[in-house]
């Protein structure tokens, strides 16, 4: 395998490759990764076979907390090696070994690998996890997401059915569109500040930029009461999955179960668009060590089951291949 450092002139080739890859989403595109600007020191790689054909890309950057660590990718929910189907079995082991050697030769000591959950794969691709096992990578974090299989959906709980009826009787109106992003962002910011003392990962300006750049992949869904946005979600769409990136409600929204109406509409939207899964996102804190059981059961009540987000660490100093 030939490994070369990504440079900006390869952006078009990178994005064209991602569009046909079997395990990629728009989070892997340079158009998405580039919005971070100079926030991260990019160390992404291109992977070519012996015939100089592009067979994989590896979005990555130096870890913000450690100059000796590479993360794939610190600016995205998940990273990992992106394959078009040619990196199977031994070829994937060779590719990840070559990646590890490249970073080791550059003086880095650790590689943090954020695997793409299997529901986002157009075709099964967990060859990378097998390669990491052979290279003695250590699983350092495991988050639990709740996802609905829209082809074989679990039965919604009685609580969720009652709450949906409550929202309908209260007159919650569901609206779609970026025009409601500002009102929703106010609800989101207050919610996160009051409950967790934190701010959203993205600023309002960043999300506005992304929602306009990826108009076909990002949707805003809100619940409205008397012309006021009281709850909502930001959806990130990939080919097979509609994912709730942000979820929030204010006190009025909680009182009338507005989120139940919002999710009901969002799930129906995902079905109409031919998605296979609706992903509510993780319910973890403390890097996976703590599960917010109430939040997880709320999501599971819509007929969802568990899907893992796995993180692996590879010690580059002892990575000699397998």
Protein backbone atom coordinates (compact mmCIF):
# COMPACT_ATOMS: atom_id res chain seq x y z
CA UNK A 1 0.00 0.00 0.00
CA UNK A 2 1.16 3.53 -0.81
CA UNK A 3 0.32 6.18 1.78
CA UNK A 4 0.47 9.90 0.99
CA UNK A 5 -0.52 12.95 3.00
CA UNK A 6 -3.70 14.68 1.81
CA UNK A 7 -3.23 18.12 0.24
CA UNK A 8 -5.95 20.55 -0.77
CA UNK A 9 -5.55 19.95 -4.51
CA UNK A 10 -6.79 16.39 -3.93
CA UNK A 11 -10.12 17.57 -2.45
CA UNK A 12 -12.22 16.81 -5.53
CA UNK A 13 -10.73 13.34 -5.95
CA UNK A 14 -11.28 12.70 -2.22
CA UNK A 15 -14.94 13.71 -2.32
CA UNK A 16 -15.62 11.75 -5.50
CA UNK A 17 -14.16 8.69 -3.80
CA UNK A 18 -16.28 9.24 -0.67
CA UNK A 19 -19.46 9.44 -2.76
CA UNK A 20 -18.91 5.91 -4.08
CA UNK A 21 -17.47 4.42 -0.88
CA UNK A 22 -19.31 1.65 0.95
CA UNK A 23 -18.98 3.03 4.48
CA UNK A 24 -18.90 6.82 4.17
CA UNK A 25 -21.25 9.69 5.03
CA UNK A 26 -21.05 13.40 4.24
CA UNK A 27 -19.05 13.77 7.49
CA UNK A 28 -16.12 12.23 5.58
CA UNK A 29 -16.24 14.75 2.74
CA UNK A 30 -13.63 17.49 2.52
CA UNK A 31 -16.48 19.96 2.17
CA UNK A 32 -17.55 19.02 5.68
CA UNK A 33 -14.11 18.62 7.23
CA UNK A 34 -12.90 21.92 5.75
CA UNK A 35 -15.47 24.00 7.64
CA UNK A 36 -13.28 23.58 10.73
CA UNK A 37 -10.71 25.81 9.04
CA UNK A 38 -7.49 25.88 11.06
CA UNK A 39 -9.07 24.52 14.25
CA UNK A 40 -7.31 21.18 13.67
CA UNK A 41 -3.94 20.29 12.19
CA UNK A 42 -5.07 18.04 9.35
CA UNK A 43 -3.14 14.80 8.83
CA UNK A 44 -5.52 12.98 6.51
CA UNK A 45 -4.14 10.29 4.22
CA UNK A 46 -4.73 8.88 0.73
CA UNK A 47 -4.33 5.11 0.26
CA UNK A 48 -3.29 3.69 -3.11
CA UNK A 49 -2.63 0.13 -4.18
CA UNK A 50 0.40 -1.11 -6.13
CA UNK A 51 -1.21 0.09 -9.39
CA UNK A 52 -1.50 3.63 -7.97
CA UNK A 53 -5.28 3.36 -7.76
CA UNK A 54 -7.02 5.20 -4.94
CA UNK A 55 -8.57 2.48 -2.76
CA UNK A 56 -9.13 4.34 0.51
CA UNK A 57 -8.99 7.64 2.35
CA UNK A 58 -8.35 8.28 6.02
CA UNK A 59 -9.69 11.54 7.53
CA UNK A 60 -7.49 12.47 10.50
CA UNK A 61 -5.92 15.30 12.45
CA UNK A 62 -3.63 15.84 15.42
CA UNK A 63 -5.53 15.46 18.70
CA UNK A 64 -6.25 18.89 20.24
CA UNK A 65 -5.25 17.58 23.69
CA UNK A 66 -2.07 15.76 22.65
CA UNK A 67 0.46 16.59 19.94
CA UNK A 68 1.62 12.95 19.93
CA UNK A 69 -1.79 11.52 19.07
CA UNK A 70 -3.64 11.30 15.75
CA UNK A 71 -7.45 11.13 15.78
CA UNK A 72 -9.66 9.95 12.92
CA UNK A 73 -11.32 12.50 13.06
CA UNK A 74 -11.56 15.01 15.98
CA UNK A 75 -14.02 17.17 14.04
CA UNK A 76 -16.51 14.41 13.20
CA UNK A 77 -18.67 11.95 15.12
CA UNK A 78 -16.73 9.11 13.55
CA UNK A 79 -13.84 8.73 11.13
CA UNK A 80 -12.03 5.53 10.29
CA UNK A 81 -10.76 4.22 7.01
CA UNK A 82 -13.11 4.85 4.08
CA UNK A 83 -13.24 2.02 1.55
CA UNK A 84 -14.83 1.53 -1.85
CA UNK A 85 -14.89 -2.24 -1.38
CA UNK A 86 -11.31 -3.04 -2.44
CA UNK A 87 -9.86 -3.03 1.10
CA UNK A 88 -11.16 -6.42 2.19
CA UNK A 89 -9.53 -8.92 4.49
CA UNK A 90 -5.76 -8.89 4.23
CA UNK A 91 -5.78 -5.72 2.12
CA UNK A 92 -7.44 -3.82 4.96
CA UNK A 93 -4.88 -5.16 7.45
CA UNK A 94 -2.10 -4.01 5.15
CA UNK A 95 -3.71 -0.58 4.72
CA UNK A 96 -4.10 0.09 8.44
CA UNK A 97 -0.61 -1.25 9.10
CA UNK A 98 0.76 1.14 6.47
CA UNK A 99 -1.20 4.03 8.04
CA UNK A 100 0.22 3.20 11.46
CA UNK A 101 3.78 3.02 10.14
CA UNK A 102 3.37 6.34 8.33
CA UNK A 103 2.28 8.15 11.50
CA UNK A 104 4.95 6.40 13.57
CA UNK A 105 7.62 7.55 11.11
CA UNK A 106 6.27 11.10 11.55
CA UNK A 107 6.89 10.88 15.30
CA UNK A 108 3.36 10.19 16.56
CA UNK A 109 2.89 7.56 19.26
CA UNK A 110 -0.87 6.90 19.32
CA UNK A 111 -3.76 6.60 16.86
CA UNK A 112 -7.36 7.03 18.07
CA UNK A 113 -9.73 5.29 15.66
CA UNK A 114 -13.45 6.19 15.74
CA UNK A 115 -15.16 3.39 13.81
CA UNK A 116 -18.21 4.02 11.63
CA UNK A 117 -21.21 2.16 13.16
CA UNK A 118 -22.42 -0.68 10.96
CA UNK A 119 -25.83 0.86 10.25
CA UNK A 120 -24.10 3.55 8.17
CA UNK A 121 -22.50 0.97 5.85
CA UNK A 122 -24.02 0.59 2.40
CA UNK A 123 -22.34 -2.82 2.32
CA UNK A 124 -20.94 -4.63 5.38
CA UNK A 125 -17.44 -3.41 6.18
CA UNK A 126 -15.94 -4.28 9.53
CA UNK A 127 -12.66 -5.49 8.11
CA UNK A 128 -11.09 -2.48 9.81
CA UNK A 129 -12.14 -3.76 13.24
CA UNK A 130 -10.57 -7.13 12.48
CA UNK A 131 -7.37 -5.40 11.37
CA UNK A 132 -7.29 -3.39 14.59
CA UNK A 133 -7.68 -6.61 16.57
CA UNK A 134 -4.72 -8.18 14.76
CA UNK A 135 -2.66 -5.06 15.44
CA UNK A 136 -3.46 -5.27 19.18
CA UNK A 137 -5.52 -2.09 19.28
CA UNK A 138 -7.33 -1.47 22.57
CA UNK A 139 -11.00 -0.51 22.73
CA UNK A 140 -10.96 2.59 24.90
CA UNK A 141 -14.55 3.76 24.63
CA UNK A 142 -17.95 2.34 23.70
CA UNK A 143 -21.09 4.50 23.39
CA UNK A 144 -24.62 3.14 23.11
CA UNK A 145 -26.92 4.65 20.52
CA UNK A 146 -30.60 3.84 19.98
CA UNK A 147 -31.66 3.16 16.40
CA UNK A 148 -34.86 2.06 14.70
CA UNK A 149 -34.68 -0.53 11.92
CA UNK A 150 -37.34 0.99 9.68
CA UNK A 151 -37.83 -2.32 7.85
CA UNK A 152 -38.34 -4.30 11.04
CA UNK A 153 -39.30 -1.73 13.65
CA UNK A 154 -39.87 -2.69 17.27
CA UNK A 155 -43.22 -1.87 18.84
CA UNK A 156 -43.48 1.59 20.39
CA UNK A 157 -44.07 1.60 24.14
CA UNK A 158 -47.42 2.50 25.66
CA UNK A 159 -45.79 5.62 27.19
CA UNK A 160 -44.67 6.90 23.81
CA UNK A 161 -48.09 6.25 22.27
CA UNK A 162 -49.81 8.15 25.09
CA UNK A 163 -47.34 11.02 24.81
CA UNK A 164 -47.89 11.30 21.06
CA UNK A 165 -51.63 11.49 21.58
CA UNK A 166 -51.04 14.14 24.27
CA UNK A 167 -49.00 16.24 21.85
CA UNK A 168 -51.69 15.99 19.18
CA UNK A 169 -54.44 16.98 21.59
CA UNK A 170 -52.36 19.93 22.80
CA UNK A 171 -52.13 21.17 19.21
CA UNK A 172 -48.39 20.74 18.64
CA UNK A 173 -47.64 21.60 15.02
CA UNK A 174 -44.56 20.10 13.36
CA UNK A 175 -42.58 22.17 10.86
CA UNK A 176 -39.57 21.36 8.69
CA UNK A 177 -36.92 23.71 7.33
CA UNK A 178 -33.82 25.75 8.08
CA UNK A 179 -35.93 28.86 8.67
CA UNK A 180 -36.58 27.58 12.21
CA UNK A 181 -32.92 26.96 13.04
CA UNK A 182 -32.45 30.20 14.97
CA UNK A 183 -35.48 29.65 17.22
CA UNK A 184 -34.50 26.04 17.82
CA UNK A 185 -30.91 27.01 18.62
CA UNK A 186 -32.15 29.27 21.41
CA UNK A 187 -34.06 26.32 22.90
CA UNK A 188 -31.02 24.06 22.49
CA UNK A 189 -28.55 26.47 24.09
CA UNK A 190 -30.77 27.08 27.11
CA UNK A 191 -31.43 23.37 27.50
CA UNK A 192 -27.75 22.41 27.47
CA UNK A 193 -26.76 25.26 29.76
CA UNK A 194 -29.45 24.50 32.34
CA UNK A 195 -29.01 20.71 32.34
CA UNK A 196 -25.29 20.24 31.73
CA UNK A 197 -23.61 23.64 31.90
CA UNK A 198 -22.28 23.27 28.34
CA UNK A 199 -22.82 24.77 24.89
CA UNK A 200 -23.59 22.92 21.63
CA UNK A 201 -20.54 21.48 19.85
CA UNK A 202 -21.41 23.64 16.83
CA UNK A 203 -22.10 27.35 17.09
CA UNK A 204 -25.25 28.71 15.48
CA UNK A 205 -23.13 30.27 12.73
CA UNK A 206 -21.41 26.94 12.04
CA UNK A 207 -24.68 25.01 11.89
CA UNK A 208 -26.22 27.63 9.60
CA UNK A 209 -23.22 27.33 7.31
CA UNK A 210 -23.41 23.53 7.27
CA UNK A 211 -27.17 23.45 6.79
CA UNK A 212 -26.82 25.64 3.72
CA UNK A 213 -23.79 23.78 2.34
CA UNK A 214 -25.42 20.37 2.86
CA UNK A 215 -29.03 21.30 2.19
CA UNK A 216 -29.82 17.75 1.02
CA UNK A 217 -28.29 16.15 4.13
CA UNK A 218 -29.28 18.42 7.04
CA UNK A 219 -32.86 19.09 8.11
CA UNK A 220 -34.42 21.01 11.00
CA UNK A 221 -37.65 19.63 12.52
CA UNK A 222 -39.45 21.60 15.22
CA UNK A 223 -42.57 21.44 17.33
CA UNK A 224 -44.55 24.71 17.50
CA UNK A 225 -47.11 25.86 20.07
CA UNK A 226 -48.90 29.18 19.47
CA UNK A 227 -46.19 30.35 17.05
CA UNK A 228 -43.39 29.46 19.50
CA UNK A 229 -40.78 26.79 18.81
CA UNK A 230 -40.88 24.61 21.95
CA UNK A 231 -38.90 21.52 20.81
CA UNK A 232 -36.91 20.24 17.89
CA UNK A 233 -34.13 18.17 16.39
CA UNK A 234 -31.38 18.63 13.81
CA UNK A 235 -31.18 15.67 11.44
CA UNK A 236 -28.03 14.54 9.63
CA UNK A 237 -28.95 12.29 6.70
CA UNK A 238 -26.73 9.71 5.04
CA UNK A 239 -27.76 7.23 2.35
CA UNK A 240 -29.13 4.67 4.81
CA UNK A 241 -29.59 6.59 8.06
CA UNK A 242 -31.38 9.65 9.35
CA UNK A 243 -29.55 10.68 12.53
CA UNK A 244 -30.72 13.06 15.26
CA UNK A 245 -27.61 15.17 15.83
CA UNK A 246 -29.25 17.58 18.30
CA UNK A 247 -32.39 17.15 20.42
CA UNK A 248 -33.93 19.77 22.72
CA UNK A 249 -37.16 20.94 24.33
CA UNK A 250 -38.12 23.78 26.66
CA UNK A 251 -40.51 23.49 29.62
CA UNK A 252 -43.59 24.11 27.49
CA UNK A 253 -42.43 21.42 25.08
CA UNK A 254 -41.96 18.92 27.89
CA UNK A 255 -45.42 19.66 29.31
CA UNK A 256 -47.13 18.91 26.01
CA UNK A 257 -44.77 16.06 24.90
CA UNK A 258 -43.77 18.03 21.81
CA UNK A 259 -40.69 15.88 21.15
CA UNK A 260 -42.93 12.85 20.61
CA UNK A 261 -44.70 14.67 17.80
CA UNK A 262 -41.38 15.86 16.36
CA UNK A 263 -39.84 12.39 16.39
CA UNK A 264 -42.98 10.81 14.96
CA UNK A 265 -42.80 13.18 12.00
CA UNK A 266 -39.03 12.72 11.60
CA UNK A 267 -39.32 8.93 11.61
CA UNK A 268 -42.08 9.03 8.98
CA UNK A 269 -39.89 11.37 6.92
CA UNK A 270 -37.02 8.88 7.09
CA UNK A 271 -39.31 6.09 5.88
CA UNK A 272 -40.60 8.22 3.02
CA UNK A 273 -37.01 8.97 1.97
CA UNK A 274 -36.19 5.26 1.87
CA UNK A 275 -33.80 5.23 4.84
CA UNK A 276 -33.11 1.89 6.51
CA UNK A 277 -32.46 3.30 10.00
CA UNK A 278 -33.45 6.20 12.21
CA UNK A 279 -30.65 6.85 14.70
CA UNK A 280 -31.44 8.79 17.89
CA UNK A 281 -27.77 9.08 18.84
CA UNK A 282 -25.91 8.12 21.99
CA UNK A 283 -27.14 8.46 25.58
CA UNK A 284 -23.74 8.39 27.26
CA UNK A 285 -21.52 10.62 29.35
CA UNK A 286 -18.01 10.17 30.75
CA UNK A 287 -16.74 8.67 27.48
CA UNK A 288 -19.24 5.85 27.52
CA UNK A 289 -18.83 4.89 31.18
CA UNK A 290 -22.18 6.38 32.23
CA UNK A 291 -25.49 5.59 30.51
CA UNK A 292 -28.33 8.06 30.93
CA UNK A 293 -30.88 5.31 31.39
CA UNK A 294 -33.92 7.60 31.31
CA UNK A 295 -32.84 9.18 28.02
CA UNK A 296 -31.99 5.80 26.50
CA UNK A 297 -35.35 4.30 27.48
CA UNK A 298 -37.13 7.35 26.03
CA UNK A 299 -35.45 6.68 22.68
CA UNK A 300 -35.92 2.91 22.88
CA UNK A 301 -39.63 3.52 23.51
CA UNK A 302 -40.07 4.51 19.87
CA UNK A 303 -39.16 0.96 18.85
CA UNK A 304 -35.38 1.37 18.77
CA UNK A 305 -32.58 -1.03 19.68
CA UNK A 306 -28.93 -0.60 20.64
CA UNK A 307 -26.12 0.21 18.21
CA UNK A 308 -22.51 0.69 19.31
CA UNK A 309 -20.13 3.56 18.57
CA UNK A 310 -16.67 2.08 19.19
CA UNK A 311 -13.34 3.82 19.76
CA UNK A 312 -9.96 2.12 19.51
CA UNK A 313 -6.44 3.19 20.39
CA UNK A 314 -3.40 1.86 18.56
CA UNK A 315 0.07 2.18 20.08
CA UNK A 316 2.12 3.16 17.04
CA UNK A 317 5.43 2.34 18.71
CA UNK A 318 4.66 -1.37 18.69
CA UNK A 319 2.75 -1.69 15.43
CA UNK A 320 4.86 -3.93 13.18
CA UNK A 321 2.04 -5.54 11.25
CA UNK A 322 0.11 -8.79 11.61
